[in-house]
Amino acid sequence: DVTGDGGCLKRVLEKGVKGERPFAGDVFELGLDKSDAILGWETVIPWMERGERAEFRFGPEYAFGKQGAPPRIAPDAVVDCTLKLLSFSEP
């Protein structure tokens, strides 16, 4: 539980480089349109290590909320995804 409220659950699939984590303000690039980004990703990326791959389960408050993302994602949906932190850099 990354956030302490059950909204962002994490399971590590591949460990990353120990101690190589982004700091607040570091730059990371998403492999998709920035408008598709969810709060959950921004919340968990600082808790990942370079090269780490992990499965996440995001509650609606960290995903697409009450509005959802029709037609693919229903309102108040729980979202499961896999992320890999390839790299990050200082701004």
PDB file of N, CA and C in Angstrom:
ATOM      1  N   ASP A   1       0.856  -1.182   0.000  1.00  0.00           N
ATOM      2  CA  ASP A   1       0.000   0.000   0.000  1.00  0.00           C
ATOM      3  C   ASP A   1       0.894   1.236   0.000  1.00  0.00           C
ATOM      4  N   VAL A   2       1.035   1.848  -1.157  1.00  0.00           N
ATOM      5  CA  VAL A   2       1.944   2.979  -1.321  1.00  0.00           C
ATOM      6  C   VAL A   2       1.448   4.222  -0.585  1.00  0.00           C
ATOM      7  N   THR A   3       0.154   4.453  -0.584  1.00  0.00           N
ATOM      8  CA  THR A   3      -0.394   5.703  -0.053  1.00  0.00           C
ATOM      9  C   THR A   3      -0.897   5.617   1.377  1.00  0.00           C
ATOM     10  N   GLY A   4      -1.049   4.428   1.907  1.00  0.00           N
ATOM     11  CA  GLY A   4      -1.540   4.279   3.266  1.00  0.00           C
ATOM     12  C   GLY A   4      -3.052   4.311   3.394  1.00  0.00           C
ATOM     13  N   ASP A   5      -3.743   4.583   2.284  1.00  0.00           N
ATOM     14  CA  ASP A   5      -5.210   4.628   2.317  1.00  0.00           C
ATOM     15  C   ASP A   5      -5.846   3.526   1.478  1.00  0.00           C
ATOM     16  N   GLY A   6      -5.022   2.615   0.960  1.00  0.00           N
ATOM     17  CA  GLY A   6      -5.528   1.517   0.140  1.00  0.00           C
ATOM     18  C   GLY A   6      -5.813   1.899  -1.297  1.00  0.00           C
ATOM     19  N   GLY A   7      -5.538   3.138  -1.678  1.00  0.00           N
ATOM     20  CA  GLY A   7      -5.855   3.611  -3.026  1.00  0.00           C
ATOM     21  C   GLY A   7      -4.841   3.251  -4.085  1.00  0.00           C
ATOM     22  N   CYS A   8      -3.610   2.929  -3.673  1.00  0.00           N
ATOM     23  CA  CYS A   8      -2.550   2.565  -4.619  1.00  0.00           C
ATOM     24  C   CYS A   8      -1.817   1.343  -4.080  1.00  0.00           C
ATOM     25  N   LEU A   9      -2.173   0.189  -4.590  1.00  0.00           N
ATOM     26  CA  LEU A   9      -1.539  -1.056  -4.157  1.00  0.00           C
ATOM     27  C   LEU A   9      -0.473  -1.462  -5.168  1.00  0.00           C
ATOM     28  N   LYS A  10       0.640  -2.011  -4.679  1.00  0.00           N
ATOM     29  CA  LYS A  10       1.788  -2.321  -5.534  1.00  0.00           C
ATOM     30  C   LYS A  10       2.286  -3.735  -5.274  1.00  0.00           C
ATOM     31  N   ARG A  11       2.665  -4.415  -6.387  1.00  0.00           N
ATOM     32  CA  ARG A  11       3.334  -5.715  -6.300  1.00  0.00           C
ATOM     33  C   ARG A  11       4.507  -5.684  -7.266  1.00  0.00           C
ATOM     34  N   VAL A  12       5.711  -5.816  -6.758  1.00  0.00           N
ATOM     35  CA  VAL A  12       6.919  -5.760  -7.581  1.00  0.00           C
ATOM     36  C   VAL A  12       7.054  -7.049  -8.383  1.00  0.00           C
ATOM     37  N   LEU A  13       7.250  -6.903  -9.698  1.00  0.00           N
ATOM     38  CA  LEU A  13       7.461  -8.041 -10.595  1.00  0.00           C
ATOM     39  C   LEU A  13       8.942  -8.223 -10.910  1.00  0.00           C
ATOM     40  N   GLU A  14       9.660  -7.102 -11.084  1.00  0.00           N
ATOM     41  CA  GLU A  14      11.110  -7.113 -11.323  1.00  0.00           C
ATOM     42  C   GLU A  14      11.707  -6.006 -10.477  1.00  0.00           C
ATOM     43  N   LYS A  15      12.701  -6.340  -9.679  1.00  0.00           N
ATOM     44  CA  LYS A  15      13.353  -5.325  -8.858  1.00  0.00           C
ATOM     45  C   LYS A  15      14.172  -4.394  -9.738  1.00  0.00           C
ATOM     46  N   GLY A  16      14.272  -3.146  -9.295  1.00  0.00           N
ATOM     47  CA  GLY A  16      15.082  -2.162  -9.989  1.00  0.00           C
ATOM     48  C   GLY A  16      16.449  -2.017  -9.334  1.00  0.00           C
ATOM     49  N   VAL A  17      17.148  -0.949  -9.702  1.00  0.00           N
ATOM     50  CA  VAL A  17      18.471  -0.658  -9.167  1.00  0.00           C
ATOM     51  C   VAL A  17      18.302  -0.028  -7.788  1.00  0.00           C
ATOM     52  N   LYS A  18      18.783  -0.714  -6.771  1.00  0.00           N
ATOM     53  CA  LYS A  18      18.591  -0.279  -5.382  1.00  0.00           C
ATOM     54  C   LYS A  18      19.088   1.156  -5.179  1.00  0.00           C
ATOM     55  N   GLY A  19      18.215   1.982  -4.620  1.00  0.00           N
ATOM     56  CA  GLY A  19      18.564   3.358  -4.287  1.00  0.00           C
ATOM     57  C   GLY A  19      18.413   4.356  -5.419  1.00  0.00           C
ATOM     58  N   GLU A  20      18.115   3.904  -6.635  1.00  0.00           N
ATOM     59  CA  GLU A  20      17.963   4.832  -7.764  1.00  0.00           C
ATOM     60  C   GLU A  20      16.494   5.153  -7.961  1.00  0.00           C
ATOM     61  N   ARG A  21      16.024   6.123  -7.195  1.00  0.00           N
ATOM     62  CA  ARG A  21      14.628   6.569  -7.273  1.00  0.00           C
ATOM     63  C   ARG A  21      14.582   8.025  -7.696  1.00  0.00           C
ATOM     64  N   PRO A  22      13.530   8.400  -8.414  1.00  0.00           N
ATOM     65  CA  PRO A  22      13.386   9.816  -8.764  1.00  0.00           C
ATOM     66  C   PRO A  22      13.051  10.641  -7.524  1.00  0.00           C
ATOM     67  N   PHE A  23      13.465  11.900  -7.543  1.00  0.00           N
ATOM     68  CA  PHE A  23      13.120  12.840  -6.486  1.00  0.00           C
ATOM     69  C   PHE A  23      11.977  13.713  -6.965  1.00  0.00           C
ATOM     70  N   ALA A  24      11.299  14.359  -6.032  1.00  0.00           N
ATOM     71  CA  ALA A  24      10.230  15.299  -6.399  1.00  0.00           C
ATOM     72  C   ALA A  24      10.814  16.322  -7.365  1.00  0.00           C
ATOM     73  N   GLY A  25      10.124  16.552  -8.453  1.00  0.00           N
ATOM     74  CA  GLY A  25      10.577  17.514  -9.454  1.00  0.00           C
ATOM     75  C   GLY A  25      11.368  16.895 -10.586  1.00  0.00           C
ATOM     76  N   ASP A  26      11.828  15.636 -10.437  1.00  0.00           N
ATOM     77  CA  ASP A  26      12.525  14.982 -11.539  1.00  0.00           C
ATOM     78  C   ASP A  26      11.548  14.766 -12.690  1.00  0.00           C
ATOM     79  N   VAL A  27      12.092  14.639 -13.876  1.00  0.00           N
ATOM     80  CA  VAL A  27      11.290  14.507 -15.086  1.00  0.00           C
ATOM     81  C   VAL A  27      11.178  13.034 -15.460  1.00  0.00           C
ATOM     82  N   PHE A  28       9.949  12.609 -15.793  1.00  0.00           N
ATOM     83  CA  PHE A  28       9.756  11.275 -16.346  1.00  0.00           C
ATOM     84  C   PHE A  28       8.833  11.410 -17.537  1.00  0.00           C
ATOM     85  N   GLU A  29       9.003  10.525 -18.493  1.00  0.00           N
ATOM     86  CA  GLU A  29       8.223  10.581 -19.728  1.00  0.00           C
ATOM     87  C   GLU A  29       7.302   9.379 -19.781  1.00  0.00           C
ATOM     88  N   LEU A  30       6.043   9.647 -20.102  1.00  0.00           N
ATOM     89  CA  LEU A  30       5.071   8.568 -20.248  1.00  0.00           C
ATOM     90  C   LEU A  30       4.998   8.162 -21.710  1.00  0.00           C
ATOM     91  N   GLY A  31       4.812   6.877 -21.956  1.00  0.00           N
ATOM     92  CA  GLY A  31       4.708   6.385 -23.323  1.00  0.00           C
ATOM     93  C   GLY A  31       3.291   6.484 -23.853  1.00  0.00           C
ATOM     94  N   LEU A  32       2.598   7.555 -23.496  1.00  0.00           N
ATOM     95  CA  LEU A  32       1.232   7.775 -23.962  1.00  0.00           C
ATOM     96  C   LEU A  32       0.915   9.253 -23.847  1.00  0.00           C
ATOM     97  N   ASP A  33      -0.240   9.649 -24.309  1.00  0.00           N
ATOM     98  CA  ASP A  33      -0.666  11.045 -24.254  1.00  0.00           C
ATOM     99  C   ASP A  33      -0.775  11.488 -22.799  1.00  0.00           C
ATOM    100  N   LYS A  34      -0.177  12.628 -22.465  1.00  0.00           N
ATOM    101  CA  LYS A  34      -0.179  13.143 -21.087  1.00  0.00           C
ATOM    102  C   LYS A  34      -1.597  13.294 -20.546  1.00  0.00           C
ATOM    103  N   SER A  35      -2.572  13.569 -21.414  1.00  0.00           N
ATOM    104  CA  SER A  35      -3.956  13.732 -20.950  1.00  0.00           C
ATOM    105  C   SER A  35      -4.535  12.414 -20.434  1.00  0.00           C
ATOM    106  N   ASP A  36      -3.914  11.280 -20.785  1.00  0.00           N
ATOM    107  CA  ASP A  36      -4.364   9.976 -20.301  1.00  0.00           C
ATOM    108  C   ASP A  36      -3.760   9.619 -18.943  1.00  0.00           C
ATOM    109  N   ALA A  37      -2.809  10.423 -18.468  1.00  0.00           N
ATOM    110  CA  ALA A  37      -2.140  10.140 -17.195  1.00  0.00           C
ATOM    111  C   ALA A  37      -3.125  10.249 -16.039  1.00  0.00           C
ATOM    112  N   ILE A  38      -2.891   9.443 -15.013  1.00  0.00           N
ATOM    113  CA  ILE A  38      -3.758   9.471 -13.834  1.00  0.00           C
ATOM    114  C   ILE A  38      -2.925   9.827 -12.602  1.00  0.00           C
ATOM    115  N   LEU A  39      -3.587  10.322 -11.594  1.00  0.00           N
ATOM    116  CA  LEU A  39      -2.929  10.709 -10.351  1.00  0.00           C
ATOM    117  C   LEU A  39      -2.129   9.550  -9.759  1.00  0.00           C
ATOM    118  N   GLY A  40      -2.636   8.341  -9.889  1.00  0.00           N
ATOM    119  CA  GLY A  40      -1.942   7.181  -9.340  1.00  0.00           C
ATOM    120  C   GLY A  40      -0.527   7.034  -9.861  1.00  0.00           C
ATOM    121  N   TRP A  41      -0.321   7.262 -11.152  1.00  0.00           N
ATOM    122  CA  TRP A  41       1.021   7.130 -11.719  1.00  0.00           C
ATOM    123  C   TRP A  41       1.961   8.154 -11.113  1.00  0.00           C
ATOM    124  N   GLU A  42       1.500   9.391 -11.032  1.00  0.00           N
ATOM    125  CA  GLU A  42       2.335  10.442 -10.452  1.00  0.00           C
ATOM    126  C   GLU A  42       2.622  10.160  -8.980  1.00  0.00           C
ATOM    127  N   THR A  43       1.708   9.476  -8.319  1.00  0.00           N
ATOM    128  CA  THR A  43       1.866   9.148  -6.906  1.00  0.00           C
ATOM    129  C   THR A  43       2.879   8.027  -6.693  1.00  0.00           C
ATOM    130  N   VAL A  44       2.871   7.006  -7.541  1.00  0.00           N
ATOM    131  CA  VAL A  44       3.717   5.830  -7.299  1.00  0.00           C
ATOM    132  C   VAL A  44       5.098   5.894  -7.939  1.00  0.00           C
ATOM    133  N   ILE A  45       5.272   6.660  -8.994  1.00  0.00           N
ATOM    134  CA  ILE A  45       6.571   6.689  -9.678  1.00  0.00           C
ATOM    135  C   ILE A  45       7.713   7.077  -8.735  1.00  0.00           C
ATOM    136  N   PRO A  46       7.538   8.050  -7.834  1.00  0.00           N
ATOM    137  CA  PRO A  46       8.640   8.351  -6.904  1.00  0.00           C
ATOM    138  C   PRO A  46       8.999   7.193  -5.964  1.00  0.00           C
ATOM    139  N   TRP A  47       8.155   6.188  -5.865  1.00  0.00           N
ATOM    140  CA  TRP A  47       8.404   5.027  -5.009  1.00  0.00           C
ATOM    141  C   TRP A  47       8.957   3.845  -5.794  1.00  0.00           C
ATOM    142  N   MET A  48       9.275   4.069  -7.072  1.00  0.00           N
ATOM    143  CA  MET A  48       9.843   3.011  -7.903  1.00  0.00           C
ATOM    144  C   MET A  48      11.334   3.259  -8.088  1.00  0.00           C
ATOM    145  N   GLU A  49      12.082   2.184  -8.352  1.00  0.00           N
ATOM    146  CA  GLU A  49      13.506   2.289  -8.643  1.00  0.00           C
ATOM    147  C   GLU A  49      13.726   2.104 -10.142  1.00  0.00           C
ATOM    148  N   ARG A  50      14.792   2.722 -10.645  1.00  0.00           N
ATOM    149  CA  ARG A  50      15.116   2.610 -12.075  1.00  0.00           C
ATOM    150  C   ARG A  50      15.162   1.132 -12.471  1.00  0.00           C
ATOM    151  N   GLY A  51      14.434   0.780 -13.540  1.00  0.00           N
ATOM    152  CA  GLY A  51      14.393  -0.593 -14.038  1.00  0.00           C
ATOM    153  C   GLY A  51      13.323  -1.465 -13.402  1.00  0.00           C
ATOM    154  N   GLU A  52      12.674  -0.965 -12.365  1.00  0.00           N
ATOM    155  CA  GLU A  52      11.641  -1.754 -11.674  1.00  0.00           C
ATOM    156  C   GLU A  52      10.387  -1.882 -12.532  1.00  0.00           C
ATOM    157  N   ARG A  53       9.792  -3.065 -12.480  1.00  0.00           N
ATOM    158  CA  ARG A  53       8.494  -3.306 -13.114  1.00  0.00           C
ATOM    159  C   ARG A  53       7.565  -3.786 -12.018  1.00  0.00           C
ATOM    160  N   ALA A  54       6.378  -3.168 -11.952  1.00  0.00           N
ATOM    161  CA  ALA A  54       5.441  -3.501 -10.877  1.00  0.00           C
ATOM    162  C   ALA A  54       4.004  -3.431 -11.370  1.00  0.00           C
ATOM    163  N   GLU A  55       3.163  -4.243 -10.736  1.00  0.00           N
ATOM    164  CA  GLU A  55       1.719  -4.187 -10.976  1.00  0.00           C
ATOM    165  C   GLU A  55       1.105  -3.267  -9.929  1.00  0.00           C
ATOM    166  N   PHE A  56       0.132  -2.475 -10.365  1.00  0.00           N
ATOM    167  CA  PHE A  56      -0.554  -1.559  -9.463  1.00  0.00           C
ATOM    168  C   PHE A  56      -2.056  -1.732  -9.584  1.00  0.00           C
ATOM    169  N   ARG A  57      -2.731  -1.490  -8.495  1.00  0.00           N
ATOM    170  CA  ARG A  57      -4.193  -1.410  -8.475  1.00  0.00           C
ATOM    171  C   ARG A  57      -4.529  -0.047  -7.881  1.00  0.00           C
ATOM    172  N   PHE A  58      -5.219   0.775  -8.695  1.00  0.00           N
ATOM    173  CA  PHE A  58      -5.581   2.125  -8.284  1.00  0.00           C
ATOM    174  C   PHE A  58      -7.075   2.223  -8.039  1.00  0.00           C
ATOM    175  N   GLY A  59      -7.439   2.737  -6.876  1.00  0.00           N
ATOM    176  CA  GLY A  59      -8.837   3.036  -6.597  1.00  0.00           C
ATOM    177  C   GLY A  59      -9.277   4.207  -7.461  1.00  0.00           C
ATOM    178  N   PRO A  60     -10.577   4.414  -7.601  1.00  0.00           N
ATOM    179  CA  PRO A  60     -11.090   5.479  -8.463  1.00  0.00           C
ATOM    180  C   PRO A  60     -10.506   6.855  -8.161  1.00  0.00           C
ATOM    181  N   GLU A  61     -10.230   7.130  -6.884  1.00  0.00           N
ATOM    182  CA  GLU A  61      -9.706   8.447  -6.513  1.00  0.00           C
ATOM    183  C   GLU A  61      -8.301   8.687  -7.053  1.00  0.00           C
ATOM    184  N   TYR A  62      -7.588   7.632  -7.439  1.00  0.00           N
ATOM    185  CA  TYR A  62      -6.256   7.754  -8.030  1.00  0.00           C
ATOM    186  C   TYR A  62      -6.270   7.407  -9.517  1.00  0.00           C
ATOM    187  N   ALA A  63      -7.444   7.102 -10.055  1.00  0.00           N
ATOM    188  CA  ALA A  63      -7.559   6.728 -11.467  1.00  0.00           C
ATOM    189  C   ALA A  63      -8.423   7.757 -12.202  1.00  0.00           C
ATOM    190  N   PHE A  64      -9.596   7.364 -12.641  1.00  0.00           N
ATOM    191  CA  PHE A  64     -10.422   8.244 -13.464  1.00  0.00           C
ATOM    192  C   PHE A  64     -11.639   8.787 -12.731  1.00  0.00           C
ATOM    193  N   GLY A  65     -11.747   8.479 -11.435  1.00  0.00           N
ATOM    194  CA  GLY A  65     -12.773   9.079 -10.584  1.00  0.00           C
ATOM    195  C   GLY A  65     -14.199   8.769 -10.983  1.00  0.00           C
ATOM    196  N   LYS A  66     -15.076   9.649 -10.537  1.00  0.00           N
ATOM    197  CA  LYS A  66     -16.519   9.479 -10.780  1.00  0.00           C
ATOM    198  C   LYS A  66     -16.879   9.575 -12.259  1.00  0.00           C
ATOM    199  N   GLN A  67     -16.090  10.333 -13.039  1.00  0.00           N
ATOM    200  CA  GLN A  67     -16.414  10.511 -14.456  1.00  0.00           C
ATOM    201  C   GLN A  67     -15.988   9.327 -15.313  1.00  0.00           C
ATOM    202  N   GLY A  68     -14.984   8.549 -14.855  1.00  0.00           N
ATOM    203  CA  GLY A  68     -14.499   7.452 -15.676  1.00  0.00           C
ATOM    204  C   GLY A  68     -13.824   7.981 -16.934  1.00  0.00           C
ATOM    205  N   ALA A  69     -13.682   7.148 -17.934  1.00  0.00           N
ATOM    206  CA  ALA A  69     -13.127   7.529 -19.238  1.00  0.00           C
ATOM    207  C   ALA A  69     -13.875   6.745 -20.307  1.00  0.00           C
ATOM    208  N   PRO A  70     -15.156   7.112 -20.505  1.00  0.00           N
ATOM    209  CA  PRO A  70     -15.990   6.376 -21.456  1.00  0.00           C
ATOM    210  C   PRO A  70     -15.382   6.368 -22.856  1.00  0.00           C
ATOM    211  N   PRO A  71     -15.569   5.320 -23.611  1.00  0.00           N
ATOM    212  CA  PRO A  71     -16.379   4.146 -23.311  1.00  0.00           C
ATOM    213  C   PRO A  71     -15.592   3.017 -22.638  1.00  0.00           C
ATOM    214  N   ARG A  72     -14.262   3.167 -22.506  1.00  0.00           N
ATOM    215  CA  ARG A  72     -13.436   2.051 -22.011  1.00  0.00           C
ATOM    216  C   ARG A  72     -13.465   1.865 -20.499  1.00  0.00           C
ATOM    217  N   ILE A  73     -13.556   2.960 -19.758  1.00  0.00           N
ATOM    218  CA  ILE A  73     -13.447   2.862 -18.300  1.00  0.00           C
ATOM    219  C   ILE A  73     -14.692   3.444 -17.649  1.00  0.00           C
ATOM    220  N   ALA A  74     -15.384   2.618 -16.890  1.00  0.00           N
ATOM    221  CA  ALA A  74     -16.643   3.010 -16.243  1.00  0.00           C
ATOM    222  C   ALA A  74     -16.385   3.993 -15.098  1.00  0.00           C
ATOM    223  N   PRO A  75     -17.404   4.764 -14.724  1.00  0.00           N
ATOM    224  CA  PRO A  75     -17.280   5.636 -13.552  1.00  0.00           C
ATOM    225  C   PRO A  75     -16.930   4.816 -12.308  1.00  0.00           C
ATOM    226  N   ASP A  76     -16.115   5.396 -11.442  1.00  0.00           N
ATOM    227  CA  ASP A  76     -15.703   4.773 -10.172  1.00  0.00           C
ATOM    228  C   ASP A  76     -15.008   3.426 -10.351  1.00  0.00           C
ATOM    229  N   ALA A  77     -14.340   3.235 -11.479  1.00  0.00           N
ATOM    230  CA  ALA A  77     -13.658   1.963 -11.752  1.00  0.00           C
ATOM    231  C   ALA A  77     -12.327   1.865 -11.008  1.00  0.00           C
ATOM    232  N   VAL A  78     -12.007   0.663 -10.576  1.00  0.00           N
ATOM    233  CA  VAL A  78     -10.675   0.336 -10.073  1.00  0.00           C
ATOM    234  C   VAL A  78      -9.838  -0.005 -11.307  1.00  0.00           C
ATOM    235  N   VAL A  79      -8.617   0.521 -11.380  1.00  0.00           N
ATOM    236  CA  VAL A  79      -7.772   0.336 -12.560  1.00  0.00           C
ATOM    237  C   VAL A  79      -6.527  -0.466 -12.182  1.00  0.00           C
ATOM    238  N   ASP A  80      -6.277  -1.548 -12.917  1.00  0.00           N
ATOM    239  CA  ASP A  80      -5.068  -2.356 -12.752  1.00  0.00           C
ATOM    240  C   ASP A  80      -4.142  -2.073 -13.923  1.00  0.00           C
ATOM    241  N   CYS A  81      -2.856  -1.916 -13.641  1.00  0.00           N
ATOM    242  CA  CYS A  81      -1.900  -1.705 -14.728  1.00  0.00           C
ATOM    243  C   CYS A  81      -0.510  -2.143 -14.285  1.00  0.00           C
ATOM    244  N   THR A  82       0.371  -2.284 -15.264  1.00  0.00           N
ATOM    245  CA  THR A  82       1.766  -2.611 -15.015  1.00  0.00           C
ATOM    246  C   THR A  82       2.609  -1.447 -15.509  1.00  0.00           C
ATOM    247  N   LEU A  83       3.540  -1.000 -14.669  1.00  0.00           N
ATOM    248  CA  LEU A  83       4.440   0.098 -15.020  1.00  0.00           C
ATOM    249  C   LEU A  83       5.880  -0.371 -14.905  1.00  0.00           C
ATOM    250  N   LYS A  84       6.733   0.169 -15.777  1.00  0.00           N
ATOM    251  CA  LYS A  84       8.175  -0.058 -15.665  1.00  0.00           C
ATOM    252  C   LYS A  84       8.847   1.301 -15.725  1.00  0.00           C
ATOM    253  N   LEU A  85       9.683   1.587 -14.747  1.00  0.00           N
ATOM    254  CA  LEU A  85      10.408   2.857 -14.712  1.00  0.00           C
ATOM    255  C   LEU A  85      11.712   2.668 -15.477  1.00  0.00           C
ATOM    256  N   LEU A  86      11.739   3.166 -16.704  1.00  0.00           N
ATOM    257  CA  LEU A  86      12.913   3.005 -17.552  1.00  0.00           C
ATOM    258  C   LEU A  86      14.003   3.985 -17.175  1.00  0.00           C
ATOM    259  N   SER A  87      13.623   5.253 -17.007  1.00  0.00           N
ATOM    260  CA  SER A  87      14.610   6.266 -16.654  1.00  0.00           C
ATOM    261  C   SER A  87      13.909   7.510 -16.143  1.00  0.00           C
ATOM    262  N   PHE A  88      14.698   8.402 -15.593  1.00  0.00           N
ATOM    263  CA  PHE A  88      14.212   9.702 -15.144  1.00  0.00           C
ATOM    264  C   PHE A  88      15.413  10.635 -15.141  1.00  0.00           C
ATOM    265  N   SER A  89      15.158  11.932 -15.110  1.00  0.00           N
ATOM    266  CA  SER A  89      16.256  12.898 -15.107  1.00  0.00           C
ATOM    267  C   SER A  89      15.875  14.118 -14.285  1.00  0.00           C
ATOM    268  N   GLU A  90      16.884  14.872 -13.892  1.00  0.00           N
ATOM    269  CA  GLU A  90      16.635  16.112 -13.175  1.00  0.00           C
ATOM    270  C   GLU A  90      16.075  17.121 -14.162  1.00  0.00           C
ATOM    271  N   PRO A  91      15.221  18.037 -13.685  1.00  0.00           N
ATOM    272  CA  PRO A  91      14.624  19.029 -14.601  1.00  0.00           C
ATOM    273  C   PRO A  91      15.657  19.976 -15.180  1.00  0.00           C
TER     274      PRO A  91
END
